[in-house]
Amino acid sequence: MEKSLKGKKFFTFGEGLTIFTGILLVLLVVFSCNNVLIIGGGG
């Protein structure tokens, strides 16, 4: 059990950073779209 955990990490720092950046981009796009819809809709 311990050997398998040591042999294979869940993800490297680079992969984790890429995933984190991707999630942030998605959140920013969704947040921007929501703002445009709210402003365009006139509240």
N, C-alpha and C. Protein backbone atom coordinates (compact mmCIF):
# COMPACT_ATOMS: atom_id res chain seq x y z
N MET A 1 0.84 -1.20 0.00
CA MET A 1 0.00 0.00 0.00
C MET A 1 0.87 1.25 0.00
N GLU A 2 1.83 1.27 0.95
CA GLU A 2 2.70 2.43 1.04
C GLU A 2 3.60 2.55 -0.19
N LYS A 3 4.06 1.38 -0.70
CA LYS A 3 4.93 1.41 -1.88
C LYS A 3 4.19 1.98 -3.09
N SER A 4 2.93 1.59 -3.26
CA SER A 4 2.16 2.08 -4.40
C SER A 4 1.94 3.58 -4.29
N LEU A 5 1.69 4.06 -3.05
CA LEU A 5 1.48 5.49 -2.86
C LEU A 5 2.76 6.27 -3.15
N LYS A 6 3.90 5.72 -2.70
CA LYS A 6 5.17 6.41 -2.94
C LYS A 6 5.56 6.36 -4.41
N GLY A 7 5.24 5.24 -5.08
CA GLY A 7 5.62 5.09 -6.47
C GLY A 7 4.83 6.00 -7.40
N LYS A 8 3.56 6.22 -7.07
CA LYS A 8 2.71 7.05 -7.94
C LYS A 8 2.04 8.16 -7.15
N LYS A 9 2.44 9.38 -7.44
CA LYS A 9 1.79 10.52 -6.80
C LYS A 9 0.46 10.78 -7.51
N PHE A 10 -0.44 11.46 -6.82
CA PHE A 10 -1.74 11.76 -7.44
C PHE A 10 -1.52 12.63 -8.68
N PHE A 11 -0.69 13.66 -8.54
CA PHE A 11 -0.32 14.49 -9.69
C PHE A 11 0.89 15.33 -9.30
N THR A 12 1.71 15.67 -10.29
CA THR A 12 2.90 16.45 -10.01
C THR A 12 2.52 17.91 -9.80
N PHE A 13 3.47 18.71 -9.37
CA PHE A 13 3.22 20.14 -9.13
C PHE A 13 2.78 20.82 -10.42
N GLY A 14 3.45 20.48 -11.53
CA GLY A 14 3.11 21.09 -12.82
C GLY A 14 1.68 20.75 -13.23
N GLU A 15 1.31 19.47 -13.09
CA GLU A 15 -0.04 19.06 -13.48
C GLU A 15 -1.07 19.71 -12.57
N GLY A 16 -0.78 19.79 -11.28
CA GLY A 16 -1.71 20.42 -10.34
C GLY A 16 -1.88 21.89 -10.66
N LEU A 17 -0.79 22.55 -11.03
CA LEU A 17 -0.85 23.97 -11.38
C LEU A 17 -1.69 24.18 -12.63
N THR A 18 -1.53 23.27 -13.60
CA THR A 18 -2.31 23.36 -14.85
C THR A 18 -3.79 23.19 -14.56
N ILE A 19 -4.13 22.19 -13.74
CA ILE A 19 -5.53 21.95 -13.40
C ILE A 19 -6.11 23.15 -12.65
N PHE A 20 -5.33 23.67 -11.70
CA PHE A 20 -5.79 24.82 -10.91
C PHE A 20 -6.03 26.03 -11.81
N THR A 21 -5.10 26.27 -12.75
CA THR A 21 -5.24 27.40 -13.68
C THR A 21 -6.47 27.22 -14.56
N GLY A 22 -6.69 25.98 -15.03
CA GLY A 22 -7.85 25.70 -15.88
C GLY A 22 -9.14 25.98 -15.15
N ILE A 23 -9.22 25.57 -13.88
CA ILE A 23 -10.43 25.80 -13.08
C ILE A 23 -10.65 27.30 -12.90
N LEU A 24 -9.59 28.04 -12.64
CA LEU A 24 -9.71 29.49 -12.46
C LEU A 24 -10.22 30.15 -13.74
N LEU A 25 -9.70 29.71 -14.90
CA LEU A 25 -10.15 30.28 -16.17
C LEU A 25 -11.63 30.02 -16.38
N VAL A 26 -12.09 28.80 -16.07
CA VAL A 26 -13.50 28.47 -16.23
C VAL A 26 -14.37 29.34 -15.33
N LEU A 27 -13.93 29.51 -14.07
CA LEU A 27 -14.69 30.34 -13.13
C LEU A 27 -14.74 31.79 -13.62
N LEU A 28 -13.64 32.29 -14.15
CA LEU A 28 -13.60 33.67 -14.65
C LEU A 28 -14.56 33.84 -15.82
N VAL A 29 -14.57 32.86 -16.73
CA VAL A 29 -15.46 32.94 -17.91
C VAL A 29 -16.92 32.93 -17.46
N VAL A 30 -17.26 32.00 -16.55
CA VAL A 30 -18.64 31.91 -16.06
C VAL A 30 -19.04 33.19 -15.35
N PHE A 31 -18.14 33.71 -14.51
CA PHE A 31 -18.42 34.94 -13.77
C PHE A 31 -18.63 36.11 -14.72
N SER A 32 -17.80 36.20 -15.77
CA SER A 32 -17.91 37.27 -16.75
C SER A 32 -19.23 37.16 -17.51
N CYS A 33 -19.59 35.94 -17.92
CA CYS A 33 -20.84 35.73 -18.66
C CYS A 33 -22.03 36.12 -17.79
N ASN A 34 -21.99 35.76 -16.51
CA ASN A 34 -23.09 36.12 -15.60
C ASN A 34 -23.21 37.63 -15.46
N ASN A 35 -22.08 38.33 -15.37
CA ASN A 35 -22.10 39.78 -15.25
C ASN A 35 -22.70 40.40 -16.51
N VAL A 36 -22.33 39.89 -17.67
CA VAL A 36 -22.84 40.44 -18.93
C VAL A 36 -24.35 40.23 -19.01
N LEU A 37 -24.82 39.05 -18.60
CA LEU A 37 -26.26 38.75 -18.65
C LEU A 37 -27.01 39.66 -17.69
N ILE A 38 -26.46 39.87 -16.50
CA ILE A 38 -27.14 40.72 -15.51
C ILE A 38 -27.19 42.16 -16.00
N ILE A 39 -26.06 42.67 -16.51
CA ILE A 39 -26.00 44.06 -16.99
C ILE A 39 -26.87 44.22 -18.24
N GLY A 40 -26.78 43.25 -19.15
CA GLY A 40 -27.56 43.31 -20.40
C GLY A 40 -29.05 43.19 -20.12
N GLY A 41 -29.41 42.40 -19.11
CA GLY A 41 -30.83 42.19 -18.80
C GLY A 41 -31.44 43.40 -18.10
N GLY A 42 -30.62 44.30 -17.60
CA GLY A 42 -31.13 45.48 -16.93
C GLY A 42 -31.62 45.17 -15.53
N GLY A 43 -31.14 44.05 -14.95
CA GLY A 43 -31.48 43.74 -13.58
C GLY A 43 -32.85 43.13 -13.48
